[in-house]
Amino acid sequence: MIVKINSSLLDSVMESKVYRVFNDEKNDERYIFDEDNEKVLFDSMIFNYELI
């Protein structure tokens, strides 16, 4: 899934940038890599986004 971040509560995830969301079925979680190349859980409580 590809998303454009409209707002974020994290400083390391930039607004208006496009991110790929990875789906980890084994651990039942979704995540992205932030600007520091750190794995960040993808949660709608943290991000406001739109699908691209």
C-alpha atoms as a PDB file:
ATOM      1  CA  MET A   1       0.000   0.000   0.000  1.00  0.00           C
ATOM      2  CA  ILE A   2       1.270   3.504  -0.826  1.00  0.00           C
ATOM      3  CA  VAL A   3       0.146   6.470   1.293  1.00  0.00           C
ATOM      4  CA  LYS A   4       0.619  10.210   1.405  1.00  0.00           C
ATOM      5  CA  ILE A   5       0.905  11.539   4.959  1.00  0.00           C
ATOM      6  CA  ASN A   6      -1.342  14.528   5.639  1.00  0.00           C
ATOM      7  CA  SER A   7      -0.349  14.874   9.290  1.00  0.00           C
ATOM      8  CA  SER A   8       1.749  12.981  11.783  1.00  0.00           C
ATOM      9  CA  LEU A   9       2.370  13.029  15.509  1.00  0.00           C
ATOM     10  CA  LEU A  10       5.953  11.899  14.904  1.00  0.00           C
ATOM     11  CA  ASP A  11       8.724  14.281  13.887  1.00  0.00           C
ATOM     12  CA  SER A  12      10.467  11.593  11.861  1.00  0.00           C
ATOM     13  CA  VAL A  13       7.504  11.125   9.499  1.00  0.00           C
ATOM     14  CA  MET A  14       7.164  14.117   7.216  1.00  0.00           C
ATOM     15  CA  GLU A  15       3.857  15.585   6.128  1.00  0.00           C
ATOM     16  CA  SER A  16       3.135  15.595   2.373  1.00  0.00           C
ATOM     17  CA  LYS A  17       5.618  12.785   1.766  1.00  0.00           C
ATOM     18  CA  VAL A  18       4.764   9.439   0.219  1.00  0.00           C
ATOM     19  CA  TYR A  19       5.549   6.227   2.077  1.00  0.00           C
ATOM     20  CA  ARG A  20       5.192   2.543   1.348  1.00  0.00           C
ATOM     21  CA  VAL A  21       3.342   0.584   4.028  1.00  0.00           C
ATOM     22  CA  PHE A  22       4.687  -2.898   4.637  1.00  0.00           C
ATOM     23  CA  ASN A  23       2.416  -5.650   5.898  1.00  0.00           C
ATOM     24  CA  ASP A  24       3.995  -8.082   8.362  1.00  0.00           C
ATOM     25  CA  GLU A  25       1.465 -10.895   8.498  1.00  0.00           C
ATOM     26  CA  LYS A  26       3.602 -13.010  10.808  1.00  0.00           C
ATOM     27  CA  ASN A  27       3.503 -10.355  13.548  1.00  0.00           C
ATOM     28  CA  ASP A  28       0.123  -8.950  12.481  1.00  0.00           C
ATOM     29  CA  GLU A  29       1.336  -5.383  12.051  1.00  0.00           C
ATOM     30  CA  ARG A  30       1.894  -2.715   9.421  1.00  0.00           C
ATOM     31  CA  TYR A  31       4.866  -0.409   9.354  1.00  0.00           C
ATOM     32  CA  ILE A  32       6.719   2.225   7.360  1.00  0.00           C
ATOM     33  CA  PHE A  33      10.317   3.397   7.344  1.00  0.00           C
ATOM     34  CA  ASP A  34      10.652   6.976   8.563  1.00  0.00           C
ATOM     35  CA  GLU A  35      13.143   9.634   7.432  1.00  0.00           C
ATOM     36  CA  ASP A  36      15.804   8.092   9.678  1.00  0.00           C
ATOM     37  CA  ASN A  37      15.227   4.641   8.117  1.00  0.00           C
ATOM     38  CA  GLU A  38      13.728   3.411  11.363  1.00  0.00           C
ATOM     39  CA  LYS A  39      10.790   1.012  11.353  1.00  0.00           C
ATOM     40  CA  VAL A  40       7.634   2.770  12.614  1.00  0.00           C
ATOM     41  CA  LEU A  41       4.316   1.076  13.258  1.00  0.00           C
ATOM     42  CA  PHE A  42       1.666   2.371  10.919  1.00  0.00           C
ATOM     43  CA  ASP A  43      -1.334   3.355  13.018  1.00  0.00           C
ATOM     44  CA  SER A  44      -4.239   5.622  12.082  1.00  0.00           C
ATOM     45  CA  MET A  45      -4.102   7.103  15.587  1.00  0.00           C
ATOM     46  CA  ILE A  46      -0.649   8.514  14.773  1.00  0.00           C
ATOM     47  CA  PHE A  47      -1.045   9.370  11.075  1.00  0.00           C
ATOM     48  CA  ASN A  48      -3.635  11.055   8.966  1.00  0.00           C
ATOM     49  CA  TYR A  49      -3.105   9.783   5.440  1.00  0.00           C
ATOM     50  CA  GLU A  50      -4.623   9.194   2.038  1.00  0.00           C
ATOM     51  CA  LEU A  51      -4.156   6.171  -0.183  1.00  0.00           C
ATOM     52  CA  ILE A  52      -2.397   6.687  -3.485  1.00  0.00           C
END
